[in-house]
N, C-alpha and C. Protein backbone atom coordinates (compact mmCIF):
# COMPACT_ATOMS: atom_id res chain seq x y z
N MET A 1 0.85 -1.18 0.00
CA MET A 1 0.00 0.00 0.00
C MET A 1 0.89 1.25 0.00
N PRO A 2 0.72 2.15 -0.95
CA PRO A 2 1.56 3.34 -1.01
C PRO A 2 1.25 4.30 0.13
N ALA A 3 2.27 5.05 0.51
CA ALA A 3 2.11 6.05 1.56
C ALA A 3 1.28 7.22 1.05
N ARG A 4 0.46 7.80 1.93
CA ARG A 4 -0.34 8.97 1.55
C ARG A 4 0.43 10.23 1.89
N ASP A 5 0.45 11.15 0.98
CA ASP A 5 1.04 12.46 1.24
C ASP A 5 -0.10 13.41 1.57
N PHE A 6 -0.39 13.56 2.83
CA PHE A 6 -1.50 14.39 3.26
C PHE A 6 -1.04 15.28 4.41
N PHE A 7 -1.01 16.58 4.16
CA PHE A 7 -0.60 17.54 5.18
C PHE A 7 -1.80 18.40 5.53
N HIS A 8 -1.94 18.71 6.80
CA HIS A 8 -2.96 19.65 7.24
C HIS A 8 -2.32 20.63 8.21
N SER A 9 -3.03 21.63 8.59
CA SER A 9 -2.51 22.69 9.46
C SER A 9 -1.21 23.27 8.89
N VAL A 10 -1.24 23.61 7.61
CA VAL A 10 -0.06 24.16 6.95
C VAL A 10 0.06 25.63 7.29
N MET A 11 1.27 26.04 7.66
CA MET A 11 1.54 27.46 7.94
C MET A 11 2.89 27.82 7.33
N ARG A 12 3.12 29.10 7.19
CA ARG A 12 4.36 29.58 6.58
C ARG A 12 5.01 30.59 7.50
N ILE A 13 6.32 30.41 7.73
CA ILE A 13 7.12 31.36 8.50
C ILE A 13 8.33 31.69 7.63
N GLY A 14 8.33 32.87 7.05
CA GLY A 14 9.39 33.24 6.12
C GLY A 14 9.37 32.31 4.92
N PRO A 15 10.53 31.78 4.53
CA PRO A 15 10.56 30.86 3.39
C PRO A 15 10.21 29.42 3.78
N VAL A 16 9.94 29.17 5.06
CA VAL A 16 9.73 27.80 5.54
C VAL A 16 8.24 27.53 5.71
N GLN A 17 7.81 26.38 5.18
CA GLN A 17 6.44 25.92 5.37
C GLN A 17 6.45 24.79 6.38
N ILE A 18 5.44 24.79 7.27
CA ILE A 18 5.28 23.74 8.28
C ILE A 18 3.95 23.06 8.03
N GLY A 19 3.98 21.74 7.98
CA GLY A 19 2.76 20.97 7.77
C GLY A 19 2.70 19.80 8.73
N THR A 20 1.51 19.48 9.21
CA THR A 20 1.30 18.36 10.13
C THR A 20 0.85 17.15 9.33
N HIS A 21 1.41 16.00 9.64
CA HIS A 21 1.05 14.77 8.93
C HIS A 21 1.20 13.58 9.87
N ARG A 22 0.72 12.44 9.44
CA ARG A 22 0.91 11.19 10.19
C ARG A 22 1.93 10.34 9.46
N ASP A 23 2.88 9.78 10.21
CA ASP A 23 3.88 8.92 9.59
C ASP A 23 3.32 7.51 9.40
N ARG A 24 4.14 6.61 8.94
CA ARG A 24 3.68 5.24 8.66
C ARG A 24 3.23 4.49 9.90
N ARG A 25 3.70 4.92 11.06
CA ARG A 25 3.30 4.29 12.32
C ARG A 25 2.03 4.90 12.90
N GLY A 26 1.52 5.94 12.26
CA GLY A 26 0.31 6.60 12.73
C GLY A 26 0.57 7.71 13.73
N GLN A 27 1.84 8.05 13.95
CA GLN A 27 2.18 9.13 14.89
C GLN A 27 2.13 10.47 14.17
N THR A 28 1.69 11.49 14.88
CA THR A 28 1.62 12.83 14.32
C THR A 28 3.02 13.44 14.30
N LYS A 29 3.42 13.95 13.15
CA LYS A 29 4.71 14.61 12.96
C LYS A 29 4.49 15.96 12.32
N HIS A 30 5.47 16.83 12.47
CA HIS A 30 5.41 18.18 11.92
C HIS A 30 6.65 18.37 11.05
N ALA A 31 6.44 18.58 9.77
CA ALA A 31 7.53 18.74 8.81
C ALA A 31 7.75 20.23 8.55
N ALA A 32 9.01 20.64 8.61
CA ALA A 32 9.41 22.00 8.27
C ALA A 32 10.27 21.91 7.02
N VAL A 33 9.90 22.68 5.97
CA VAL A 33 10.57 22.58 4.67
C VAL A 33 10.83 23.98 4.14
N CYS A 34 12.07 24.24 3.73
CA CYS A 34 12.39 25.52 3.10
C CYS A 34 11.95 25.46 1.65
N THR A 35 11.24 26.49 1.20
CA THR A 35 10.68 26.50 -0.15
C THR A 35 11.57 27.21 -1.17
N ASN A 36 12.72 27.73 -0.75
CA ASN A 36 13.63 28.36 -1.71
C ASN A 36 14.26 27.31 -2.61
N ASP A 37 14.39 27.66 -3.89
CA ASP A 37 15.05 26.76 -4.83
C ASP A 37 16.50 26.53 -4.40
N ARG A 38 16.98 25.35 -4.58
CA ARG A 38 18.36 24.93 -4.30
C ARG A 38 18.73 24.92 -2.82
N CYS A 39 17.79 25.10 -1.91
CA CYS A 39 18.14 25.04 -0.49
C CYS A 39 18.14 23.59 -0.01
N GLY A 40 17.02 22.91 -0.15
CA GLY A 40 16.96 21.50 0.21
C GLY A 40 16.82 21.18 1.68
N TRP A 41 16.64 22.18 2.54
CA TRP A 41 16.53 21.92 3.97
C TRP A 41 15.13 21.46 4.34
N SER A 42 15.05 20.40 5.12
CA SER A 42 13.78 19.93 5.66
C SER A 42 14.06 19.08 6.88
N ALA A 43 13.07 19.01 7.77
CA ALA A 43 13.22 18.20 9.00
C ALA A 43 11.85 17.87 9.55
N ASP A 44 11.76 16.72 10.23
CA ASP A 44 10.54 16.31 10.92
C ASP A 44 10.72 16.51 12.41
N TYR A 45 9.65 16.95 13.06
CA TYR A 45 9.67 17.19 14.50
C TYR A 45 8.44 16.55 15.13
N SER A 46 8.55 16.23 16.41
CA SER A 46 7.43 15.60 17.10
C SER A 46 6.46 16.62 17.67
N SER A 47 6.87 17.89 17.75
CA SER A 47 5.96 18.92 18.25
C SER A 47 5.94 20.10 17.29
N GLN A 48 4.82 20.78 17.24
CA GLN A 48 4.68 21.92 16.33
C GLN A 48 5.54 23.09 16.80
N SER A 49 5.69 23.25 18.10
CA SER A 49 6.52 24.36 18.59
C SER A 49 7.98 24.17 18.20
N ALA A 50 8.48 22.94 18.17
CA ALA A 50 9.85 22.69 17.72
C ALA A 50 10.00 23.01 16.24
N ALA A 51 9.01 22.66 15.44
CA ALA A 51 9.05 22.97 14.01
C ALA A 51 8.99 24.48 13.78
N GLN A 52 8.21 25.19 14.56
CA GLN A 52 8.13 26.64 14.44
C GLN A 52 9.44 27.29 14.84
N LEU A 53 10.06 26.80 15.89
CA LEU A 53 11.36 27.34 16.30
C LEU A 53 12.41 27.11 15.22
N ALA A 54 12.42 25.93 14.63
CA ALA A 54 13.36 25.65 13.54
C ALA A 54 13.10 26.56 12.35
N ALA A 55 11.84 26.83 12.04
CA ALA A 55 11.50 27.70 10.92
C ALA A 55 11.96 29.13 11.20
N ARG A 56 11.80 29.58 12.42
CA ARG A 56 12.20 30.96 12.76
C ARG A 56 13.72 31.13 12.76
N THR A 57 14.46 30.08 13.10
CA THR A 57 15.92 30.19 13.19
C THR A 57 16.63 29.71 11.93
N HIS A 58 15.90 29.19 10.94
CA HIS A 58 16.52 28.72 9.70
C HIS A 58 17.09 29.90 8.93
N ARG A 59 18.35 29.78 8.57
CA ARG A 59 19.01 30.80 7.77
C ARG A 59 19.36 30.18 6.43
N CYS A 60 18.58 30.50 5.45
CA CYS A 60 18.74 29.91 4.12
C CYS A 60 19.92 30.57 3.42
N ARG A 61 20.92 29.78 3.09
CA ARG A 61 22.11 30.30 2.39
C ARG A 61 21.78 30.76 0.98
N VAL A 62 20.80 30.16 0.37
CA VAL A 62 20.44 30.49 -1.02
C VAL A 62 19.91 31.92 -1.09
N SER A 63 19.05 32.32 -0.14
CA SER A 63 18.46 33.65 -0.18
C SER A 63 19.48 34.74 0.18
N GLN A 64 20.61 34.36 0.78
CA GLN A 64 21.61 35.35 1.17
C GLN A 64 22.65 35.57 0.09
N GLU A 65 22.68 34.69 -0.91
CA GLU A 65 23.63 34.86 -2.01
C GLU A 65 23.22 36.01 -2.90
N ALA A 66 24.21 36.66 -3.49
CA ALA A 66 23.93 37.75 -4.42
C ALA A 66 23.45 37.16 -5.74
N PRO A 67 22.45 37.78 -6.36
CA PRO A 67 21.99 37.29 -7.66
C PRO A 67 23.06 37.44 -8.73
N ARG A 68 23.09 36.48 -9.64
CA ARG A 68 24.13 36.51 -10.69
C ARG A 68 23.55 36.89 -12.00
């Protein structure tokens, strides 16, 4: 059975989006993902406050580079 990609309670803090989902074990997880191209940063957290803290403190190197 394929995994379902279903996020709810999606919020955005700067370039980072946070979404709540259930993992394969049925546990609630909170994914924080940077939406800037070429950044690639993402992480799963067990609490929404941890995901929000990570989103607030994420410093995306891509957005700090000078445009070419």
